[in-house]
PDB file of all heavy atoms in Angstrom:
ATOM      1  N   CYS A   1       8.629 -21.083   8.607  1.00  0.00           N
ATOM      2  CA  CYS A   1      10.063 -21.346   8.459  1.00  0.00           C
ATOM      3  C   CYS A   1      10.884 -20.284   9.186  1.00  0.00           C
ATOM      4  O   CYS A   1      11.859 -20.601   9.859  1.00  0.00           O
ATOM      5  CB  CYS A   1      10.447 -21.394   6.985  1.00  0.00           C
ATOM      6  SG  CYS A   1       9.859 -22.861   6.124  1.00  0.00           S
ATOM      7  N   LEU A   2      10.483 -19.034   9.071  1.00  0.00           N
ATOM      8  CA  LEU A   2      11.195 -17.962   9.767  1.00  0.00           C
ATOM      9  C   LEU A   2      11.041 -18.098  11.280  1.00  0.00           C
ATOM     10  O   LEU A   2      11.988 -17.883  12.026  1.00  0.00           O
ATOM     11  CB  LEU A   2      10.689 -16.599   9.298  1.00  0.00           C
ATOM     12  CG  LEU A   2      11.018 -16.241   7.846  1.00  0.00           C
ATOM     13  CD1 LEU A   2      10.310 -14.959   7.444  1.00  0.00           C
ATOM     14  CD2 LEU A   2      12.513 -16.132   7.639  1.00  0.00           C
ATOM     15  N   ALA A   3       9.838 -18.485  11.731  1.00  0.00           N
ATOM     16  CA  ALA A   3       9.601 -18.658  13.170  1.00  0.00           C
ATOM     17  C   ALA A   3      10.432 -19.804  13.731  1.00  0.00           C
ATOM     18  O   ALA A   3      10.830 -19.768  14.898  1.00  0.00           O
ATOM     19  CB  ALA A   3       8.113 -18.897  13.432  1.00  0.00           C
ATOM     20  N   GLU A   4      10.685 -20.815  12.906  1.00  0.00           N
ATOM     21  CA  GLU A   4      11.481 -21.964  13.336  1.00  0.00           C
ATOM     22  C   GLU A   4      12.970 -21.657  13.332  1.00  0.00           C
ATOM     23  O   GLU A   4      13.778 -22.506  13.692  1.00  0.00           O
ATOM     24  CB  GLU A   4      11.192 -23.169  12.438  1.00  0.00           C
ATOM     25  CG  GLU A   4       9.790 -23.718  12.618  1.00  0.00           C
ATOM     26  CD  GLU A   4       9.427 -24.755  11.568  1.00  0.00           C
ATOM     27  OE1 GLU A   4      10.280 -25.086  10.703  1.00  0.00           O
ATOM     28  OE2 GLU A   4       8.283 -25.223  11.593  1.00  0.00           O
ATOM     29  N   GLY A   5      13.307 -20.455  12.897  1.00  0.00           N
ATOM     30  CA  GLY A   5      14.702 -20.040  12.940  1.00  0.00           C
ATOM     31  C   GLY A   5      15.528 -20.423  11.738  1.00  0.00           C
ATOM     32  O   GLY A   5      16.742 -20.531  11.845  1.00  0.00           O
ATOM     33  N   VAL A   6      14.894 -20.608  10.589  1.00  0.00           N
ATOM     34  CA  VAL A   6      15.668 -20.916   9.388  1.00  0.00           C
ATOM     35  C   VAL A   6      16.654 -19.774   9.154  1.00  0.00           C
ATOM     36  O   VAL A   6      16.341 -18.607   9.368  1.00  0.00           O
ATOM     37  CB  VAL A   6      14.746 -21.123   8.162  1.00  0.00           C
ATOM     38  CG1 VAL A   6      14.067 -19.838   7.741  1.00  0.00           C
ATOM     39  CG2 VAL A   6      15.518 -21.694   6.993  1.00  0.00           C
ATOM     40  N   ASP A   7      17.845 -20.129   8.759  1.00  0.00           N
ATOM     41  CA  ASP A   7      18.879 -19.142   8.456  1.00  0.00           C
ATOM     42  C   ASP A   7      18.387 -18.283   7.289  1.00  0.00           C
ATOM     43  O   ASP A   7      17.970 -18.805   6.262  1.00  0.00           O
ATOM     44  CB  ASP A   7      20.170 -19.866   8.083  1.00  0.00           C
ATOM     45  CG  ASP A   7      21.319 -18.917   7.785  1.00  0.00           C
ATOM     46  OD1 ASP A   7      21.100 -17.687   7.668  1.00  0.00           O
ATOM     47  OD2 ASP A   7      22.451 -19.410   7.676  1.00  0.00           O
ATOM     48  N   ARG A   8      18.446 -16.973   7.444  1.00  0.00           N
ATOM     49  CA  ARG A   8      17.942 -16.085   6.392  1.00  0.00           C
ATOM     50  C   ARG A   8      18.771 -16.141   5.127  1.00  0.00           C
ATOM     51  O   ARG A   8      18.366 -15.626   4.100  1.00  0.00           O
ATOM     52  CB  ARG A   8      17.838 -14.661   6.915  1.00  0.00           C
ATOM     53  CG  ARG A   8      16.759 -14.568   7.950  1.00  0.00           C
ATOM     54  CD  ARG A   8      16.353 -13.184   8.219  1.00  0.00           C
ATOM     55  NE  ARG A   8      15.255 -13.216   9.184  1.00  0.00           N
ATOM     56  CZ  ARG A   8      14.970 -12.240   9.982  1.00  0.00           C
ATOM     57  NH1 ARG A   8      15.657 -11.141   9.946  1.00  0.00           N
ATOM     58  NH2 ARG A   8      13.963 -12.349  10.824  1.00  0.00           N
ATOM     59  N   ASN A   9      19.939 -16.753   5.191  1.00  0.00           N
ATOM     60  CA  ASN A   9      20.749 -16.942   3.997  1.00  0.00           C
ATOM     61  C   ASN A   9      20.451 -18.281   3.331  1.00  0.00           C
ATOM     62  O   ASN A   9      21.016 -18.602   2.302  1.00  0.00           O
ATOM     63  CB  ASN A   9      22.240 -16.847   4.339  1.00  0.00           C
ATOM     64  CG  ASN A   9      22.619 -15.448   4.753  1.00  0.00           C
ATOM     65  OD1 ASN A   9      22.212 -14.476   4.117  1.00  0.00           O
ATOM     66  ND2 ASN A   9      23.369 -15.326   5.824  1.00  0.00           N
ATOM     67  N   GLU A  10      19.567 -19.050   3.945  1.00  0.00           N
ATOM     68  CA  GLU A  10      19.171 -20.358   3.414  1.00  0.00           C
ATOM     69  C   GLU A  10      17.878 -20.192   2.613  1.00  0.00           C
ATOM     70  O   GLU A  10      16.960 -19.484   3.024  1.00  0.00           O
ATOM     71  CB  GLU A  10      18.943 -21.308   4.579  1.00  0.00           C
ATOM     72  CG  GLU A  10      18.561 -22.708   4.196  1.00  0.00           C
ATOM     73  CD  GLU A  10      18.318 -23.571   5.426  1.00  0.00           C
ATOM     74  OE1 GLU A  10      19.001 -23.350   6.449  1.00  0.00           O
ATOM     75  OE2 GLU A  10      17.448 -24.439   5.357  1.00  0.00           O
ATOM     76  N   ALA A  11      17.804 -20.856   1.490  1.00  0.00           N
ATOM     77  CA  ALA A  11      16.614 -20.750   0.644  1.00  0.00           C
ATOM     78  C   ALA A  11      15.436 -21.511   1.255  1.00  0.00           C
ATOM     79  O   ALA A  11      15.604 -22.605   1.779  1.00  0.00           O
ATOM     80  CB  ALA A  11      16.900 -21.297  -0.744  1.00  0.00           C
ATOM     81  N   ILE A  12      14.270 -20.917   1.180  1.00  0.00           N
ATOM     82  CA  ILE A  12      13.022 -21.615   1.498  1.00  0.00           C
ATOM     83  C   ILE A  12      12.433 -21.960   0.137  1.00  0.00           C
ATOM     84  O   ILE A  12      12.001 -21.079  -0.593  1.00  0.00           O
ATOM     85  CB  ILE A  12      12.054 -20.719   2.294  1.00  0.00           C
ATOM     86  CG1 ILE A  12      12.669 -20.310   3.631  1.00  0.00           C
ATOM     87  CG2 ILE A  12      10.720 -21.443   2.501  1.00  0.00           C
ATOM     88  CD1 ILE A  12      11.857 -19.269   4.390  1.00  0.00           C
ATOM     89  N   GLN A  13      12.467 -23.227  -0.213  1.00  0.00           N
ATOM     90  CA  GLN A  13      12.029 -23.635  -1.542  1.00  0.00           C
ATOM     91  C   GLN A  13      10.604 -24.171  -1.488  1.00  0.00           C
ATOM     92  O   GLN A  13      10.288 -25.025  -0.662  1.00  0.00           O
ATOM     93  CB  GLN A  13      12.975 -24.681  -2.110  1.00  0.00           C
ATOM     94  CG  GLN A  13      14.372 -24.148  -2.292  1.00  0.00           C
ATOM     95  CD  GLN A  13      15.312 -25.194  -2.865  1.00  0.00           C
ATOM     96  OE1 GLN A  13      15.009 -26.377  -2.941  1.00  0.00           O
ATOM     97  NE2 GLN A  13      16.479 -24.742  -3.278  1.00  0.00           N
ATOM     98  N   ILE A  14       9.779 -23.647  -2.388  1.00  0.00           N
ATOM     99  CA  ILE A  14       8.376 -24.041  -2.460  1.00  0.00           C
ATOM    100  C   ILE A  14       8.020 -24.221  -3.930  1.00  0.00           C
ATOM    101  O   ILE A  14       8.378 -23.378  -4.753  1.00  0.00           O
ATOM    102  CB  ILE A  14       7.458 -22.968  -1.835  1.00  0.00           C
ATOM    103  CG1 ILE A  14       7.849 -22.711  -0.382  1.00  0.00           C
ATOM    104  CG2 ILE A  14       5.996 -23.366  -1.945  1.00  0.00           C
ATOM    105  CD1 ILE A  14       7.224 -21.473   0.212  1.00  0.00           C
ATOM    106  N   ALA A  15       7.316 -25.272  -4.251  1.00  0.00           N
ATOM    107  CA  ALA A  15       6.860 -25.487  -5.623  1.00  0.00           C
ATOM    108  C   ALA A  15       5.340 -25.456  -5.645  1.00  0.00           C
ATOM    109  O   ALA A  15       4.690 -25.942  -4.721  1.00  0.00           O
ATOM    110  CB  ALA A  15       7.363 -26.832  -6.135  1.00  0.00           C
ATOM    111  N   ALA A  16       4.789 -24.854  -6.694  1.00  0.00           N
ATOM    112  CA  ALA A  16       3.334 -24.800  -6.853  1.00  0.00           C
ATOM    113  C   ALA A  16       3.004 -25.135  -8.297  1.00  0.00           C
ATOM    114  O   ALA A  16       3.343 -24.379  -9.206  1.00  0.00           O
ATOM    115  CB  ALA A  16       2.803 -23.421  -6.495  1.00  0.00           C
ATOM    116  N   ALA A  17       2.375 -26.270  -8.500  1.00  0.00           N
ATOM    117  CA  ALA A  17       1.953 -26.672  -9.839  1.00  0.00           C
ATOM    118  C   ALA A  17       0.464 -26.398  -9.970  1.00  0.00           C
ATOM    119  O   ALA A  17      -0.318 -26.795  -9.112  1.00  0.00           O
ATOM    120  CB  ALA A  17       2.238 -28.149 -10.054  1.00  0.00           C
ATOM    121  N   SER A  18       0.107 -25.672 -11.013  1.00  0.00           N
ATOM    122  CA  SER A  18      -1.309 -25.355 -11.207  1.00  0.00           C
ATOM    123  C   SER A  18      -1.529 -24.865 -12.629  1.00  0.00           C
ATOM    124  O   SER A  18      -0.588 -24.771 -13.413  1.00  0.00           O
ATOM    125  CB  SER A  18      -1.757 -24.295 -10.202  1.00  0.00           C
ATOM    126  OG  SER A  18      -1.052 -23.096 -10.431  1.00  0.00           O
ATOM    127  N   GLY A  19      -2.747 -24.525 -12.923  1.00  0.00           N
ATOM    128  CA  GLY A  19      -3.111 -24.058 -14.252  1.00  0.00           C
ATOM    129  C   GLY A  19      -2.725 -22.609 -14.491  1.00  0.00           C
ATOM    130  O   GLY A  19      -2.032 -21.986 -13.692  1.00  0.00           O
ATOM    131  N   HIS A  20      -3.200 -22.083 -15.606  1.00  0.00           N
ATOM    132  CA  HIS A  20      -2.908 -20.705 -15.988  1.00  0.00           C
ATOM    133  C   HIS A  20      -3.844 -19.738 -15.268  1.00  0.00           C
ATOM    134  O   HIS A  20      -5.017 -20.024 -15.057  1.00  0.00           O
ATOM    135  CB  HIS A  20      -3.082 -20.527 -17.502  1.00  0.00           C
ATOM    136  CG  HIS A  20      -2.111 -21.332 -18.296  1.00  0.00           C
ATOM    137  ND1 HIS A  20      -0.789 -21.000 -18.403  1.00  0.00           N
ATOM    138  CD2 HIS A  20      -2.277 -22.468 -19.014  1.00  0.00           C
ATOM    139  CE1 HIS A  20      -0.168 -21.889 -19.154  1.00  0.00           C
ATOM    140  NE2 HIS A  20      -1.048 -22.803 -19.533  1.00  0.00           N
ATOM    141  N   GLY A  21      -3.312 -18.597 -14.890  1.00  0.00           N
ATOM    142  CA  GLY A  21      -4.137 -17.522 -14.358  1.00  0.00           C
ATOM    143  C   GLY A  21      -4.648 -17.701 -12.941  1.00  0.00           C
ATOM    144  O   GLY A  21      -5.632 -17.068 -12.561  1.00  0.00           O
ATOM    145  N   VAL A  22      -3.994 -18.536 -12.134  1.00  0.00           N
ATOM    146  CA  VAL A  22      -4.482 -18.766 -10.769  1.00  0.00           C
ATOM    147  C   VAL A  22      -3.806 -17.882  -9.728  1.00  0.00           C
ATOM    148  O   VAL A  22      -4.219 -17.865  -8.577  1.00  0.00           O
ATOM    149  CB  VAL A  22      -4.351 -20.245 -10.355  1.00  0.00           C
ATOM    150  CG1 VAL A  22      -5.167 -21.133 -11.279  1.00  0.00           C
ATOM    151  CG2 VAL A  22      -2.904 -20.676 -10.325  1.00  0.00           C
ATOM    152  N   GLY A  23      -2.729 -17.169 -10.124  1.00  0.00           N
ATOM    153  CA  GLY A  23      -2.092 -16.252  -9.203  1.00  0.00           C
ATOM    154  C   GLY A  23      -0.689 -16.598  -8.764  1.00  0.00           C
ATOM    155  O   GLY A  23      -0.206 -16.074  -7.763  1.00  0.00           O
ATOM    156  N   LYS A  24       0.004 -17.460  -9.510  1.00  0.00           N
ATOM    157  CA  LYS A  24       1.382 -17.811  -9.135  1.00  0.00           C
ATOM    158  C   LYS A  24       2.301 -16.604  -9.242  1.00  0.00           C
ATOM    159  O   LYS A  24       3.086 -16.332  -8.328  1.00  0.00           O
ATOM    160  CB  LYS A  24       1.900 -18.965  -9.989  1.00  0.00           C
ATOM    161  CG  LYS A  24       1.171 -20.284  -9.782  1.00  0.00           C
ATOM    162  CD  LYS A  24       1.757 -21.395 -10.628  1.00  0.00           C
ATOM    163  CE  LYS A  24       1.713 -21.162 -12.119  1.00  0.00           C
ATOM    164  NZ  LYS A  24       0.386 -21.146 -12.737  1.00  0.00           N
ATOM    165  N   SER A  25       2.209 -15.872 -10.340  1.00  0.00           N
ATOM    166  CA  SER A  25       3.059 -14.695 -10.525  1.00  0.00           C
ATOM    167  C   SER A  25       2.724 -13.613  -9.507  1.00  0.00           C
ATOM    168  O   SER A  25       3.614 -12.914  -9.014  1.00  0.00           O
ATOM    169  CB  SER A  25       2.917 -14.138 -11.942  1.00  0.00           C
ATOM    170  OG  SER A  25       3.403 -15.069 -12.878  1.00  0.00           O
ATOM    171  N   THR A  26       1.465 -13.494  -9.178  1.00  0.00           N
ATOM    172  CA  THR A  26       1.054 -12.532  -8.151  1.00  0.00           C
ATOM    173  C   THR A  26       1.686 -12.891  -6.816  1.00  0.00           C
ATOM    174  O   THR A  26       2.221 -12.021  -6.116  1.00  0.00           O
ATOM    175  CB  THR A  26      -0.481 -12.517  -8.017  1.00  0.00           C
ATOM    176  OG1 THR A  26      -1.037 -12.127  -9.279  1.00  0.00           O
ATOM    177  CG2 THR A  26      -0.944 -11.564  -6.938  1.00  0.00           C
ATOM    178  N   LEU A  27       1.641 -14.159  -6.456  1.00  0.00           N
ATOM    179  CA  LEU A  27       2.246 -14.618  -5.204  1.00  0.00           C
ATOM    180  C   LEU A  27       3.743 -14.316  -5.175  1.00  0.00           C
ATOM    181  O   LEU A  27       4.266 -13.806  -4.177  1.00  0.00           O
ATOM    182  CB  LEU A  27       2.003 -16.112  -5.013  1.00  0.00           C
ATOM    183  CG  LEU A  27       2.682 -16.759  -3.811  1.00  0.00           C
ATOM    184  CD1 LEU A  27       2.159 -16.154  -2.504  1.00  0.00           C
ATOM    185  CD2 LEU A  27       2.473 -18.260  -3.834  1.00  0.00           C
ATOM    186  N   VAL A  28       4.430 -14.591  -6.277  1.00  0.00           N
ATOM    187  CA  VAL A  28       5.864 -14.309  -6.342  1.00  0.00           C
ATOM    188  C   VAL A  28       6.114 -12.811  -6.173  1.00  0.00           C
ATOM    189  O   VAL A  28       7.022 -12.400  -5.448  1.00  0.00           O
ATOM    190  CB  VAL A  28       6.474 -14.839  -7.662  1.00  0.00           C
ATOM    191  CG1 VAL A  28       7.896 -14.334  -7.853  1.00  0.00           C
ATOM    192  CG2 VAL A  28       6.447 -16.358  -7.690  1.00  0.00           C
ATOM    193  N   ALA A  29       5.299 -11.981  -6.800  1.00  0.00           N
ATOM    194  CA  ALA A  29       5.447 -10.531  -6.673  1.00  0.00           C
ATOM    195  C   ALA A  29       5.256 -10.095  -5.225  1.00  0.00           C
ATOM    196  O   ALA A  29       6.009  -9.255  -4.714  1.00  0.00           O
ATOM    197  CB  ALA A  29       4.453  -9.815  -7.585  1.00  0.00           C
ATOM    198  N   TRP A  30       4.264 -10.653  -4.530  1.00  0.00           N
ATOM    199  CA  TRP A  30       4.054 -10.317  -3.109  1.00  0.00           C
ATOM    200  C   TRP A  30       5.270 -10.687  -2.277  1.00  0.00           C
ATOM    201  O   TRP A  30       5.690  -9.918  -1.413  1.00  0.00           O
ATOM    202  CB  TRP A  30       2.841 -11.040  -2.555  1.00  0.00           C
ATOM    203  CG  TRP A  30       1.528 -10.628  -3.094  1.00  0.00           C
ATOM    204  CD1 TRP A  30       1.202  -9.443  -3.692  1.00  0.00           C
ATOM    205  CD2 TRP A  30       0.336 -11.415  -3.082  1.00  0.00           C
ATOM    206  NE1 TRP A  30      -0.115  -9.447  -4.051  1.00  0.00           N
ATOM    207  CE2 TRP A  30      -0.673 -10.646  -3.693  1.00  0.00           C
ATOM    208  CE3 TRP A  30       0.029 -12.691  -2.633  1.00  0.00           C
ATOM    209  CZ2 TRP A  30      -1.974 -11.101  -3.844  1.00  0.00           C
ATOM    210  CZ3 TRP A  30      -1.268 -13.150  -2.780  1.00  0.00           C
ATOM    211  CH2 TRP A  30      -2.258 -12.356  -3.374  1.00  0.00           C
ATOM    212  N   ILE A  31       5.823 -11.867  -2.532  1.00  0.00           N
ATOM    213  CA  ILE A  31       6.979 -12.326  -1.760  1.00  0.00           C
ATOM    214  C   ILE A  31       8.180 -11.415  -2.013  1.00  0.00           C
ATOM    215  O   ILE A  31       8.896 -11.042  -1.080  1.00  0.00           O
ATOM    216  CB  ILE A  31       7.300 -13.803  -2.071  1.00  0.00           C
ATOM    217  CG1 ILE A  31       6.160 -14.696  -1.564  1.00  0.00           C
ATOM    218  CG2 ILE A  31       8.634 -14.212  -1.465  1.00  0.00           C
ATOM    219  CD1 ILE A  31       6.217 -16.132  -2.066  1.00  0.00           C
ATOM    220  N   ILE A  32       8.394 -11.045  -3.270  1.00  0.00           N
ATOM    221  CA  ILE A  32       9.498 -10.137  -3.595  1.00  0.00           C
ATOM    222  C   ILE A  32       9.297  -8.794  -2.886  1.00  0.00           C
ATOM    223  O   ILE A  32      10.224  -8.273  -2.247  1.00  0.00           O
ATOM    224  CB  ILE A  32       9.616  -9.937  -5.121  1.00  0.00           C
ATOM    225  CG1 ILE A  32      10.056 -11.233  -5.797  1.00  0.00           C
ATOM    226  CG2 ILE A  32      10.572  -8.787  -5.443  1.00  0.00           C
ATOM    227  CD1 ILE A  32       9.927 -11.205  -7.323  1.00  0.00           C
ATOM    228  N   LEU A  33       8.105  -8.225  -2.991  1.00  0.00           N
ATOM    229  CA  LEU A  33       7.834  -6.925  -2.362  1.00  0.00           C
ATOM    230  C   LEU A  33       7.985  -6.992  -0.845  1.00  0.00           C
ATOM    231  O   LEU A  33       8.543  -6.081  -0.229  1.00  0.00           O
ATOM    232  CB  LEU A  33       6.435  -6.439  -2.739  1.00  0.00           C
ATOM    233  CG  LEU A  33       6.272  -6.004  -4.188  1.00  0.00           C
ATOM    234  CD1 LEU A  33       4.802  -5.753  -4.504  1.00  0.00           C
ATOM    235  CD2 LEU A  33       7.110  -4.771  -4.482  1.00  0.00           C
ATOM    236  N   TRP A  34       7.481  -8.067  -0.242  1.00  0.00           N
ATOM    237  CA  TRP A  34       7.625  -8.249   1.207  1.00  0.00           C
ATOM    238  C   TRP A  34       9.106  -8.299   1.589  1.00  0.00           C
ATOM    239  O   TRP A  34       9.539  -7.615   2.513  1.00  0.00           O
ATOM    240  CB  TRP A  34       6.885  -9.507   1.647  1.00  0.00           C
ATOM    241  CG  TRP A  34       7.291 -10.030   2.983  1.00  0.00           C
ATOM    242  CD1 TRP A  34       6.984  -9.490   4.200  1.00  0.00           C
ATOM    243  CD2 TRP A  34       8.105 -11.175   3.237  1.00  0.00           C
ATOM    244  NE1 TRP A  34       7.552 -10.255   5.206  1.00  0.00           N
ATOM    245  CE2 TRP A  34       8.244 -11.287   4.628  1.00  0.00           C
ATOM    246  CE3 TRP A  34       8.717 -12.120   2.419  1.00  0.00           C
ATOM    247  CZ2 TRP A  34       8.980 -12.309   5.224  1.00  0.00           C
ATOM    248  CZ3 TRP A  34       9.436 -13.135   3.007  1.00  0.00           C
ATOM    249  CH2 TRP A  34       9.565 -13.219   4.395  1.00  0.00           C
ATOM    250  N   ALA A  35       9.883  -9.092   0.853  1.00  0.00           N
ATOM    251  CA  ALA A  35      11.297  -9.266   1.183  1.00  0.00           C
ATOM    252  C   ALA A  35      12.076  -7.962   1.043  1.00  0.00           C
ATOM    253  O   ALA A  35      12.818  -7.575   1.951  1.00  0.00           O
ATOM    254  CB  ALA A  35      11.915 -10.359   0.312  1.00  0.00           C
ATOM    255  N   ILE A  36      11.899  -7.259  -0.064  1.00  0.00           N
ATOM    256  CA  ILE A  36      12.684  -6.035  -0.255  1.00  0.00           C
ATOM    257  C   ILE A  36      12.184  -4.883   0.615  1.00  0.00           C
ATOM    258  O   ILE A  36      12.924  -3.938   0.867  1.00  0.00           O
ATOM    259  CB  ILE A  36      12.764  -5.603  -1.741  1.00  0.00           C
ATOM    260  CG1 ILE A  36      11.395  -5.215  -2.286  1.00  0.00           C
ATOM    261  CG2 ILE A  36      13.434  -6.676  -2.577  1.00  0.00           C
ATOM    262  CD1 ILE A  36      11.440  -4.641  -3.693  1.00  0.00           C
ATOM    263  N   SER A  37      10.961  -4.989   1.104  1.00  0.00           N
ATOM    264  CA  SER A  37      10.406  -3.935   1.958  1.00  0.00           C
ATOM    265  C   SER A  37      10.703  -4.137   3.430  1.00  0.00           C
ATOM    266  O   SER A  37      10.631  -3.182   4.207  1.00  0.00           O
ATOM    267  CB  SER A  37       8.885  -3.863   1.782  1.00  0.00           C
ATOM    268  OG  SER A  37       8.550  -3.527   0.460  1.00  0.00           O
ATOM    269  N   THR A  38      11.020  -5.351   3.829  1.00  0.00           N
ATOM    270  CA  THR A  38      11.145  -5.627   5.267  1.00  0.00           C
ATOM    271  C   THR A  38      12.504  -6.167   5.702  1.00  0.00           C
ATOM    272  O   THR A  38      12.745  -6.273   6.902  1.00  0.00           O
ATOM    273  CB  THR A  38      10.055  -6.612   5.733  1.00  0.00           C
ATOM    274  OG1 THR A  38      10.219  -7.859   5.053  1.00  0.00           O
ATOM    275  CG2 THR A  38       8.666  -6.058   5.478  1.00  0.00           C
ATOM    276  N   PHE A  39      13.367  -6.522   4.772  1.00  0.00           N
ATOM    277  CA  PHE A  39      14.687  -7.033   5.119  1.00  0.00           C
ATOM    278  C   PHE A  39      15.759  -6.147   4.494  1.00  0.00           C
ATOM    279  O   PHE A  39      15.763  -5.946   3.280  1.00  0.00           O
ATOM    280  CB  PHE A  39      14.884  -8.481   4.625  1.00  0.00           C
ATOM    281  CG  PHE A  39      14.043  -9.484   5.350  1.00  0.00           C
ATOM    282  CD1 PHE A  39      12.845  -9.910   4.808  1.00  0.00           C
ATOM    283  CD2 PHE A  39      14.456 -10.003   6.568  1.00  0.00           C
ATOM    284  CE1 PHE A  39      12.061 -10.837   5.457  1.00  0.00           C
ATOM    285  CE2 PHE A  39      13.679 -10.938   7.231  1.00  0.00           C
ATOM    286  CZ  PHE A  39      12.479 -11.351   6.684  1.00  0.00           C
ATOM    287  N   GLU A  40      16.657  -5.652   5.303  1.00  0.00           N
ATOM    288  CA  GLU A  40      17.741  -4.809   4.814  1.00  0.00           C
ATOM    289  C   GLU A  40      18.655  -5.621   3.901  1.00  0.00           C
ATOM    290  O   GLU A  40      18.956  -6.784   4.175  1.00  0.00           O
ATOM    291  CB  GLU A  40      18.542  -4.281   6.012  1.00  0.00           C
ATOM    292  CG  GLU A  40      19.572  -3.260   5.636  1.00  0.00           C
ATOM    293  CD  GLU A  40      20.267  -2.671   6.844  1.00  0.00           C
ATOM    294  OE1 GLU A  40      19.865  -2.964   7.990  1.00  0.00           O
ATOM    295  OE2 GLU A  40      21.222  -1.926   6.637  1.00  0.00           O
ATOM    296  N   ASP A  41      19.070  -5.012   2.807  1.00  0.00           N
ATOM    297  CA  ASP A  41      20.010  -5.628   1.854  1.00  0.00           C
ATOM    298  C   ASP A  41      19.520  -6.952   1.281  1.00  0.00           C
ATOM    299  O   ASP A  41      20.302  -7.881   1.075  1.00  0.00           O
ATOM    300  CB  ASP A  41      21.390  -5.831   2.495  1.00  0.00           C
ATOM    301  CG  ASP A  41      22.030  -4.516   2.900  1.00  0.00           C
ATOM    302  OD1 ASP A  41      21.809  -3.521   2.199  1.00  0.00           O
ATOM    303  OD2 ASP A  41      22.738  -4.499   3.914  1.00  0.00           O
ATOM    304  N   THR A  42      18.232  -7.046   1.019  1.00  0.00           N
ATOM    305  CA  THR A  42      17.677  -8.275   0.449  1.00  0.00           C
ATOM    306  C   THR A  42      18.245  -8.528  -0.941  1.00  0.00           C
ATOM    307  O   THR A  42      18.325  -7.630  -1.767  1.00  0.00           O
ATOM    308  CB  THR A  42      16.141  -8.177   0.348  1.00  0.00           C
ATOM    309  OG1 THR A  42      15.614  -8.089   1.649  1.00  0.00           O
ATOM    310  CG2 THR A  42      15.541  -9.373  -0.360  1.00  0.00           C
ATOM    311  N   ARG A  43      18.623  -9.771  -1.155  1.00  0.00           N
ATOM    312  CA  ARG A  43      19.045 -10.233  -2.469  1.00  0.00           C
ATOM    313  C   ARG A  43      18.401 -11.589  -2.704  1.00  0.00           C
ATOM    314  O   ARG A  43      18.179 -12.344  -1.769  1.00  0.00           O
ATOM    315  CB  ARG A  43      20.561 -10.380  -2.543  1.00  0.00           C
ATOM    316  CG  ARG A  43      21.278  -9.044  -2.542  1.00  0.00           C
ATOM    317  CD  ARG A  43      22.759  -9.223  -2.583  1.00  0.00           C
ATOM    318  NE  ARG A  43      23.171  -9.616  -1.235  1.00  0.00           N
ATOM    319  CZ  ARG A  43      24.314 -10.206  -0.954  1.00  0.00           C
ATOM    320  NH1 ARG A  43      25.146 -10.496  -1.913  1.00  0.00           N
ATOM    321  NH2 ARG A  43      24.623 -10.523   0.281  1.00  0.00           N
ATOM    322  N   GLY A  44      18.091 -11.872  -3.942  1.00  0.00           N
ATOM    323  CA  GLY A  44      17.485 -13.160  -4.238  1.00  0.00           C
ATOM    324  C   GLY A  44      17.564 -13.473  -5.716  1.00  0.00           C
ATOM    325  O   GLY A  44      18.007 -12.657  -6.518  1.00  0.00           O
ATOM    326  N   VAL A  45      17.107 -14.642  -6.046  1.00  0.00           N
ATOM    327  CA  VAL A  45      17.087 -15.103  -7.425  1.00  0.00           C
ATOM    328  C   VAL A  45      15.653 -15.478  -7.762  1.00  0.00           C
ATOM    329  O   VAL A  45      14.999 -16.198  -7.002  1.00  0.00           O
ATOM    330  CB  VAL A  45      18.011 -16.332  -7.610  1.00  0.00           C
ATOM    331  CG1 VAL A  45      17.922 -16.860  -9.038  1.00  0.00           C
ATOM    332  CG2 VAL A  45      19.443 -15.976  -7.251  1.00  0.00           C
TER     333      VAL A  45
END
């Protein structure tokens, strides 16, 4: 999405349905850490 030039102020929405303990929260944590570590003034919900 970033390579295609999506506006950085536009949300990239992804849904993942799965069972317990498969790593959804881990994935979200990685995305948060990546965003706040590599983009100046990152804000999100």
